[in-house]
């Protein structure tokens, strides 16, 4: 089971668990479906090397960043049928 998570920078990561310094996005038994869904709704970094949660990198404060992650989480979970 794969977990999607993000850092305060907005960078999205995938792994078996979300590291302590990250925010949980979603978990799914179908690893490929989770990655495809998250990457499909994510934004690309300027150098095209990272996937980012929309709204987080430019968030003016932590509260605004968390709101953006919650909105992204809802979008992903809806797309995954949860």
PDB file of N, CA and C in Angstrom:
ATOM      1  N   UNK A   1       0.844  -1.172   0.000  1.00  0.00           N
ATOM      2  CA  UNK A   1       0.000   0.000   0.000  1.00  0.00           C
ATOM      3  C   UNK A   1       0.891   1.237   0.000  1.00  0.00           C
ATOM      4  N   UNK A   2       0.670   2.120  -0.951  1.00  0.00           N
ATOM      5  CA  UNK A   2       1.482   3.313  -1.128  1.00  0.00           C
ATOM      6  C   UNK A   2       0.800   4.530  -0.499  1.00  0.00           C
ATOM      7  N   UNK A   3       1.610   5.430   0.051  1.00  0.00           N
ATOM      8  CA  UNK A   3       1.126   6.668   0.652  1.00  0.00           C
ATOM      9  C   UNK A   3       1.690   7.848  -0.120  1.00  0.00           C
ATOM     10  N   UNK A   4       0.840   8.831  -0.384  1.00  0.00           N
ATOM     11  CA  UNK A   4       1.278  10.102  -0.974  1.00  0.00           C
ATOM     12  C   UNK A   4       1.291  11.135   0.145  1.00  0.00           C
ATOM     13  N   UNK A   5       2.311  11.979   0.143  1.00  0.00           N
ATOM     14  CA  UNK A   5       2.462  12.997   1.179  1.00  0.00           C
ATOM     15  C   UNK A   5       3.156  14.207   0.566  1.00  0.00           C
ATOM     16  N   UNK A   6       3.195  15.314   1.319  1.00  0.00           N
ATOM     17  CA  UNK A   6       3.928  16.477   0.813  1.00  0.00           C
ATOM     18  C   UNK A   6       4.655  17.192   1.941  1.00  0.00           C
ATOM     19  N   UNK A   7       5.684  17.907   1.537  1.00  0.00           N
ATOM     20  CA  UNK A   7       6.473  18.735   2.440  1.00  0.00           C
ATOM     21  C   UNK A   7       5.893  20.143   2.441  1.00  0.00           C
ATOM     22  N   UNK A   8       6.333  20.988   3.350  1.00  0.00           N
ATOM     23  CA  UNK A   8       5.857  22.379   3.412  1.00  0.00           C
ATOM     24  C   UNK A   8       6.165  23.130   2.116  1.00  0.00           C
ATOM     25  N   UNK A   9       7.173  22.703   1.413  1.00  0.00           N
ATOM     26  CA  UNK A   9       7.523  23.320   0.129  1.00  0.00           C
ATOM     27  C   UNK A   9       6.491  23.012  -0.947  1.00  0.00           C
ATOM     28  N   UNK A  10       5.635  22.017  -0.684  1.00  0.00           N
ATOM     29  CA  UNK A  10       4.650  21.580  -1.669  1.00  0.00           C
ATOM     30  C   UNK A  10       5.090  20.357  -2.444  1.00  0.00           C
ATOM     31  N   UNK A  11       6.363  19.974  -2.300  1.00  0.00           N
ATOM     32  CA  UNK A  11       6.867  18.811  -3.035  1.00  0.00           C
ATOM     33  C   UNK A  11       6.164  17.538  -2.563  1.00  0.00           C
ATOM     34  N   UNK A  12       5.708  16.749  -3.524  1.00  0.00           N
ATOM     35  CA  UNK A  12       4.988  15.516  -3.249  1.00  0.00           C
ATOM     36  C   UNK A  12       5.958  14.343  -3.251  1.00  0.00           C
ATOM     37  N   UNK A  13       5.751  13.447  -2.298  1.00  0.00           N
ATOM     38  CA  UNK A  13       6.545  12.227  -2.221  1.00  0.00           C
ATOM     39  C   UNK A  13       5.634  11.020  -2.101  1.00  0.00           C
ATOM     40  N   UNK A  14       6.199   9.857  -2.351  1.00  0.00           N
ATOM     41  CA  UNK A  14       5.471   8.595  -2.250  1.00  0.00           C
ATOM     42  C   UNK A  14       6.314   7.610  -1.454  1.00  0.00           C
ATOM     43  N   UNK A  15       5.671   6.799  -0.639  1.00  0.00           N
ATOM     44  CA  UNK A  15       6.376   5.794   0.134  1.00  0.00           C
ATOM     45  C   UNK A  15       5.412   4.960   0.943  1.00  0.00           C
ATOM     46  N   UNK A  16       5.935   4.037   1.734  1.00  0.00           N
ATOM     47  CA  UNK A  16       5.052   3.183   2.527  1.00  0.00           C
ATOM     48  C   UNK A  16       4.336   3.947   3.640  1.00  0.00           C
ATOM     49  N   UNK A  17       4.991   4.996   4.173  1.00  0.00           N
ATOM     50  CA  UNK A  17       4.383   5.846   5.207  1.00  0.00           C
ATOM     51  C   UNK A  17       4.768   7.297   4.943  1.00  0.00           C
ATOM     52  N   UNK A  18       4.006   8.221   5.532  1.00  0.00           N
ATOM     53  CA  UNK A  18       4.348   9.638   5.428  1.00  0.00           C
ATOM     54  C   UNK A  18       5.357   9.969   6.523  1.00  0.00           C
ATOM     55  N   UNK A  19       6.523  10.514   6.177  1.00  0.00           N
ATOM     56  CA  UNK A  19       7.505  10.885   7.193  1.00  0.00           C
ATOM     57  C   UNK A  19       6.925  11.921   8.165  1.00  0.00           C
ATOM     58  N   UNK A  20       7.465  12.003   9.374  1.00  0.00           N
ATOM     59  CA  UNK A  20       6.916  12.894  10.398  1.00  0.00           C
ATOM     60  C   UNK A  20       6.805  14.363   9.994  1.00  0.00           C
ATOM     61  N   UNK A  21       7.711  14.847   9.182  1.00  0.00           N
ATOM     62  CA  UNK A  21       7.709  16.273   8.828  1.00  0.00           C
ATOM     63  C   UNK A  21       6.826  16.594   7.616  1.00  0.00           C
ATOM     64  N   UNK A  22       5.982  15.659   7.212  1.00  0.00           N
ATOM     65  CA  UNK A  22       5.153  15.841   6.023  1.00  0.00           C
ATOM     66  C   UNK A  22       3.667  15.819   6.359  1.00  0.00           C
ATOM     67  N   UNK A  23       2.851  16.185   5.381  1.00  0.00           N
ATOM     68  CA  UNK A  23       1.396  16.115   5.501  1.00  0.00           C
ATOM     69  C   UNK A  23       0.886  14.993   4.610  1.00  0.00           C
ATOM     70  N   UNK A  24       0.053  14.148   5.169  1.00  0.00           N
ATOM     71  CA  UNK A  24      -0.556  13.034   4.457  1.00  0.00           C
ATOM     72  C   UNK A  24      -1.505  13.557   3.385  1.00  0.00           C
ATOM     73  N   UNK A  25      -1.475  12.929   2.208  1.00  0.00           N
ATOM     74  CA  UNK A  25      -2.416  13.265   1.132  1.00  0.00           C
ATOM     75  C   UNK A  25      -3.394  12.124   0.925  1.00  0.00           C
ATOM     76  N   UNK A  26      -2.893  10.926   0.651  1.00  0.00           N
ATOM     77  CA  UNK A  26      -3.778   9.788   0.383  1.00  0.00           C
ATOM     78  C   UNK A  26      -2.996   8.485   0.467  1.00  0.00           C
ATOM     79  N   UNK A  27      -3.756   7.394   0.580  1.00  0.00           N
ATOM     80  CA  UNK A  27      -3.171   6.051   0.592  1.00  0.00           C
ATOM     81  C   UNK A  27      -4.079   5.173  -0.263  1.00  0.00           C
ATOM     82  N   UNK A  28      -3.465   4.247  -1.007  1.00  0.00           N
ATOM     83  CA  UNK A  28      -4.265   3.377  -1.858  1.00  0.00           C
ATOM     84  C   UNK A  28      -3.543   2.050  -2.049  1.00  0.00           C
ATOM     85  N   UNK A  29      -4.318   0.982  -2.138  1.00  0.00           N
ATOM     86  CA  UNK A  29      -3.749  -0.344  -2.358  1.00  0.00           C
ATOM     87  C   UNK A  29      -3.161  -0.482  -3.761  1.00  0.00           C
ATOM     88  N   UNK A  30      -3.718   0.238  -4.718  1.00  0.00           N
ATOM     89  CA  UNK A  30      -3.214   0.213  -6.092  1.00  0.00           C
ATOM     90  C   UNK A  30      -2.184   1.335  -6.240  1.00  0.00           C
ATOM     91  N   UNK A  31      -0.912   0.981  -6.089  1.00  0.00           N
ATOM     92  CA  UNK A  31       0.172   1.969  -6.104  1.00  0.00           C
ATOM     93  C   UNK A  31       0.180   2.823  -7.367  1.00  0.00           C
ATOM     94  N   UNK A  32       0.049   2.183  -8.519  1.00  0.00           N
ATOM     95  CA  UNK A  32       0.111   2.911  -9.792  1.00  0.00           C
ATOM     96  C   UNK A  32      -1.056   3.880  -9.933  1.00  0.00           C
ATOM     97  N   UNK A  33      -2.239   3.456  -9.517  1.00  0.00           N
ATOM     98  CA  UNK A  33      -3.412   4.334  -9.591  1.00  0.00           C
ATOM     99  C   UNK A  33      -3.221   5.562  -8.706  1.00  0.00           C
ATOM    100  N   UNK A  34      -2.664   5.372  -7.518  1.00  0.00           N
ATOM    101  CA  UNK A  34      -2.415   6.503  -6.623  1.00  0.00           C
ATOM    102  C   UNK A  34      -1.427   7.470  -7.256  1.00  0.00           C
ATOM    103  N   UNK A  35      -0.311   6.957  -7.755  1.00  0.00           N
ATOM    104  CA  UNK A  35       0.690   7.828  -8.379  1.00  0.00           C
ATOM    105  C   UNK A  35       0.120   8.562  -9.591  1.00  0.00           C
ATOM    106  N   UNK A  36      -0.591   7.858 -10.439  1.00  0.00           N
ATOM    107  CA  UNK A  36      -1.167   8.484 -11.637  1.00  0.00           C
ATOM    108  C   UNK A  36      -2.180   9.559 -11.271  1.00  0.00           C
ATOM    109  N   UNK A  37      -3.002   9.295 -10.269  1.00  0.00           N
ATOM    110  CA  UNK A  37      -4.020  10.259  -9.856  1.00  0.00           C
ATOM    111  C   UNK A  37      -3.372  11.504  -9.258  1.00  0.00           C
ATOM    112  N   UNK A  38      -2.453  11.311  -8.324  1.00  0.00           N
ATOM    113  CA  UNK A  38      -1.791  12.448  -7.682  1.00  0.00           C
ATOM    114  C   UNK A  38      -1.024  13.270  -8.715  1.00  0.00           C
ATOM    115  N   UNK A  39      -0.260  12.630  -9.566  1.00  0.00           N
ATOM    116  CA  UNK A  39       0.522  13.353 -10.577  1.00  0.00           C
ATOM    117  C   UNK A  39      -0.386  14.054 -11.577  1.00  0.00           C
ATOM    118  N   UNK A  40      -1.558  13.480 -11.841  1.00  0.00           N
ATOM    119  CA  UNK A  40      -2.493  14.089 -12.779  1.00  0.00           C
ATOM    120  C   UNK A  40      -3.077  15.394 -12.274  1.00  0.00           C
ATOM    121  N   UNK A  41      -3.228  15.532 -10.966  1.00  0.00           N
ATOM    122  CA  UNK A  41      -3.789  16.757 -10.390  1.00  0.00           C
ATOM    123  C   UNK A  41      -2.718  17.707  -9.865  1.00  0.00           C
ATOM    124  N   UNK A  42      -1.488  17.241  -9.766  1.00  0.00           N
ATOM    125  CA  UNK A  42      -0.394  18.054  -9.230  1.00  0.00           C
ATOM    126  C   UNK A  42       0.092  19.074 -10.254  1.00  0.00           C
ATOM    127  N   UNK A  43       0.876  19.985  -9.765  1.00  0.00           N
ATOM    128  CA  UNK A  43       1.537  20.983 -10.597  1.00  0.00           C
ATOM    129  C   UNK A  43       3.006  20.580 -10.718  1.00  0.00           C
ATOM    130  N   UNK A  44       3.631  20.906 -11.814  1.00  0.00           N
ATOM    131  CA  UNK A  44       5.065  20.608 -11.983  1.00  0.00           C
ATOM    132  C   UNK A  44       5.891  21.796 -11.515  1.00  0.00           C
ATOM    133  N   UNK A  45       7.075  21.510 -10.984  1.00  0.00           N
ATOM    134  CA  UNK A  45       7.991  22.574 -10.576  1.00  0.00           C
ATOM    135  C   UNK A  45       8.533  23.279 -11.812  1.00  0.00           C
ATOM    136  N   UNK A  46       9.116  24.452 -11.597  1.00  0.00           N
ATOM    137  CA  UNK A  46       9.629  25.236 -12.725  1.00  0.00           C
ATOM    138  C   UNK A  46      10.667  24.480 -13.537  1.00  0.00           C
ATOM    139  N   UNK A  47      11.487  23.669 -12.857  1.00  0.00           N
ATOM    140  CA  UNK A  47      12.509  22.909 -13.591  1.00  0.00           C
ATOM    141  C   UNK A  47      11.969  21.555 -14.069  1.00  0.00           C
ATOM    142  N   UNK A  48      10.664  21.324 -13.857  1.00  0.00           N
ATOM    143  CA  UNK A  48       9.972  20.130 -14.344  1.00  0.00           C
ATOM    144  C   UNK A  48      10.472  18.838 -13.691  1.00  0.00           C
ATOM    145  N   UNK A  49      11.113  18.947 -12.520  1.00  0.00           N
ATOM    146  CA  UNK A  49      11.684  17.763 -11.888  1.00  0.00           C
ATOM    147  C   UNK A  49      10.862  17.241 -10.707  1.00  0.00           C
ATOM    148  N   UNK A  50       9.883  18.032 -10.236  1.00  0.00           N
ATOM    149  CA  UNK A  50       9.118  17.651  -9.052  1.00  0.00           C
ATOM    150  C   UNK A  50       7.640  17.881  -9.287  1.00  0.00           C
ATOM    151  N   UNK A  51       6.838  17.135  -8.542  1.00  0.00           N
ATOM    152  CA  UNK A  51       5.393  17.361  -8.511  1.00  0.00           C
ATOM    153  C   UNK A  51       5.070  18.136  -7.248  1.00  0.00           C
ATOM    154  N   UNK A  52       4.191  19.129  -7.371  1.00  0.00           N
ATOM    155  CA  UNK A  52       3.857  20.006  -6.250  1.00  0.00           C
ATOM    156  C   UNK A  52       2.350  20.055  -6.018  1.00  0.00           C
ATOM    157  N   UNK A  53       1.959  20.225  -4.753  1.00  0.00           N
ATOM    158  CA  UNK A  53       0.557  20.449  -4.429  1.00  0.00           C
ATOM    159  C   UNK A  53       0.243  21.897  -4.816  1.00  0.00           C
ATOM    160  N   UNK A  54      -0.748  22.106  -5.688  1.00  0.00           N
ATOM    161  CA  UNK A  54      -1.090  23.470  -6.103  1.00  0.00           C
ATOM    162  C   UNK A  54      -1.437  24.350  -4.902  1.00  0.00           C
ATOM    163  N   UNK A  55      -0.864  25.542  -4.866  1.00  0.00           N
ATOM    164  CA  UNK A  55      -1.148  26.504  -3.814  1.00  0.00           C
ATOM    165  C   UNK A  55      -0.219  26.469  -2.624  1.00  0.00           C
ATOM    166  N   UNK A  56       0.525  25.395  -2.453  1.00  0.00           N
ATOM    167  CA  UNK A  56       1.384  25.287  -1.275  1.00  0.00           C
ATOM    168  C   UNK A  56       2.687  26.080  -1.412  1.00  0.00           C
ATOM    169  N   UNK A  57       3.417  25.972  -2.518  1.00  0.00           N
ATOM    170  CA  UNK A  57       4.690  26.703  -2.590  1.00  0.00           C
ATOM    171  C   UNK A  57       4.533  28.214  -2.409  1.00  0.00           C
ATOM    172  N   UNK A  58       3.439  28.773  -2.909  1.00  0.00           N
ATOM    173  CA  UNK A  58       3.247  30.209  -2.824  1.00  0.00           C
ATOM    174  C   UNK A  58       2.397  30.641  -1.635  1.00  0.00           C
ATOM    175  N   UNK A  59       2.020  29.706  -0.763  1.00  0.00           N
ATOM    176  CA  UNK A  59       1.200  30.034   0.406  1.00  0.00           C
ATOM    177  C   UNK A  59       1.929  31.024   1.305  1.00  0.00           C
ATOM    178  N   UNK A  60       1.205  32.056   1.741  1.00  0.00           N
ATOM    179  CA  UNK A  60       1.815  33.119   2.543  1.00  0.00           C
ATOM    180  C   UNK A  60       2.101  32.701   3.980  1.00  0.00           C
ATOM    181  N   UNK A  61       1.402  31.637   4.444  1.00  0.00           N
ATOM    182  CA  UNK A  61       1.634  31.142   5.801  1.00  0.00           C
ATOM    183  C   UNK A  61       1.256  29.661   5.872  1.00  0.00           C
ATOM    184  N   UNK A  62       1.547  29.060   7.014  1.00  0.00           N
ATOM    185  CA  UNK A  62       1.291  27.623   7.169  1.00  0.00           C
ATOM    186  C   UNK A  62      -0.193  27.287   7.085  1.00  0.00           C
ATOM    187  N   UNK A  63      -1.032  28.142   7.630  1.00  0.00           N
ATOM    188  CA  UNK A  63      -2.480  27.886   7.577  1.00  0.00           C
ATOM    189  C   UNK A  63      -2.966  27.791   6.129  1.00  0.00           C
ATOM    190  N   UNK A  64      -2.554  28.735   5.310  1.00  0.00           N
ATOM    191  CA  UNK A  64      -2.941  28.744   3.899  1.00  0.00           C
ATOM    192  C   UNK A  64      -2.412  27.499   3.187  1.00  0.00           C
ATOM    193  N   UNK A  65      -1.209  27.080   3.543  1.00  0.00           N
ATOM    194  CA  UNK A  65      -0.624  25.876   2.941  1.00  0.00           C
ATOM    195  C   UNK A  65      -1.432  24.637   3.323  1.00  0.00           C
ATOM    196  N   UNK A  66      -1.834  24.537   4.577  1.00  0.00           N
ATOM    197  CA  UNK A  66      -2.612  23.379   5.024  1.00  0.00           C
ATOM    198  C   UNK A  66      -3.974  23.352   4.339  1.00  0.00           C
ATOM    199  N   UNK A  67      -4.596  24.508   4.162  1.00  0.00           N
ATOM    200  CA  UNK A  67      -5.878  24.570   3.453  1.00  0.00           C
ATOM    201  C   UNK A  67      -5.708  24.046   2.023  1.00  0.00           C
ATOM    202  N   UNK A  68      -4.625  24.447   1.362  1.00  0.00           N
ATOM    203  CA  UNK A  68      -4.370  23.976  -0.008  1.00  0.00           C
ATOM    204  C   UNK A  68      -4.171  22.460  -0.038  1.00  0.00           C
ATOM    205  N   UNK A  69      -3.459  21.921   0.951  1.00  0.00           N
ATOM    206  CA  UNK A  69      -3.251  20.464   1.011  1.00  0.00           C
ATOM    207  C   UNK A  69      -4.584  19.760   1.246  1.00  0.00           C
ATOM    208  N   UNK A  70      -5.421  20.301   2.112  1.00  0.00           N
ATOM    209  CA  UNK A  70      -6.732  19.687   2.384  1.00  0.00           C
ATOM    210  C   UNK A  70      -7.601  19.674   1.127  1.00  0.00           C
ATOM    211  N   UNK A  71      -7.575  20.753   0.368  1.00  0.00           N
ATOM    212  CA  UNK A  71      -8.338  20.800  -0.881  1.00  0.00           C
ATOM    213  C   UNK A  71      -7.800  19.777  -1.882  1.00  0.00           C
ATOM    214  N   UNK A  72      -6.489  19.668  -1.970  1.00  0.00           N
ATOM    215  CA  UNK A  72      -5.859  18.696  -2.860  1.00  0.00           C
ATOM    216  C   UNK A  72      -6.214  17.277  -2.415  1.00  0.00           C
ATOM    217  N   UNK A  73      -6.154  17.024  -1.108  1.00  0.00           N
ATOM    218  CA  UNK A  73      -6.492  15.717  -0.557  1.00  0.00           C
ATOM    219  C   UNK A  73      -7.927  15.335  -0.922  1.00  0.00           C
ATOM    220  N   UNK A  74      -8.839  16.270  -0.800  1.00  0.00           N
ATOM    221  CA  UNK A  74     -10.242  15.996  -1.136  1.00  0.00           C
ATOM    222  C   UNK A  74     -10.387  15.656  -2.619  1.00  0.00           C
ATOM    223  N   UNK A  75      -9.683  16.385  -3.470  1.00  0.00           N
ATOM    224  CA  UNK A  75      -9.720  16.126  -4.907  1.00  0.00           C
ATOM    225  C   UNK A  75      -9.196  14.734  -5.224  1.00  0.00           C
ATOM    226  N   UNK A  76      -8.078  14.366  -4.614  1.00  0.00           N
ATOM    227  CA  UNK A  76      -7.472  13.058  -4.866  1.00  0.00           C
ATOM    228  C   UNK A  76      -8.390  11.938  -4.374  1.00  0.00           C
ATOM    229  N   UNK A  77      -8.901  12.081  -3.164  1.00  0.00           N
ATOM    230  CA  UNK A  77      -9.766  11.038  -2.618  1.00  0.00           C
ATOM    231  C   UNK A  77     -11.048  10.882  -3.432  1.00  0.00           C
ATOM    232  N   UNK A  78     -11.578  11.976  -3.921  1.00  0.00           N
ATOM    233  CA  UNK A  78     -12.778  11.895  -4.783  1.00  0.00           C
ATOM    234  C   UNK A  78     -12.438  11.150  -6.074  1.00  0.00           C
ATOM    235  N   UNK A  79     -11.292  11.482  -6.655  1.00  0.00           N
ATOM    236  CA  UNK A  79     -10.870  10.827  -7.902  1.00  0.00           C
ATOM    237  C   UNK A  79     -10.597   9.336  -7.689  1.00  0.00           C
ATOM    238  N   UNK A  80     -10.177   8.972  -6.473  1.00  0.00           N
ATOM    239  CA  UNK A  80      -9.918   7.566  -6.159  1.00  0.00           C
ATOM    240  C   UNK A  80     -11.185   6.828  -5.748  1.00  0.00           C
ATOM    241  N   UNK A  81     -12.295   7.567  -5.660  1.00  0.00           N
ATOM    242  CA  UNK A  81     -13.563   6.946  -5.294  1.00  0.00           C
ATOM    243  C   UNK A  81     -13.713   6.705  -3.807  1.00  0.00           C
ATOM    244  N   UNK A  82     -13.086   7.542  -3.009  1.00  0.00           N
ATOM    245  CA  UNK A  82     -13.159   7.380  -1.546  1.00  0.00           C
ATOM    246  C   UNK A  82     -13.991   8.471  -0.925  1.00  0.00           C
TER     247      UNK A  82
END
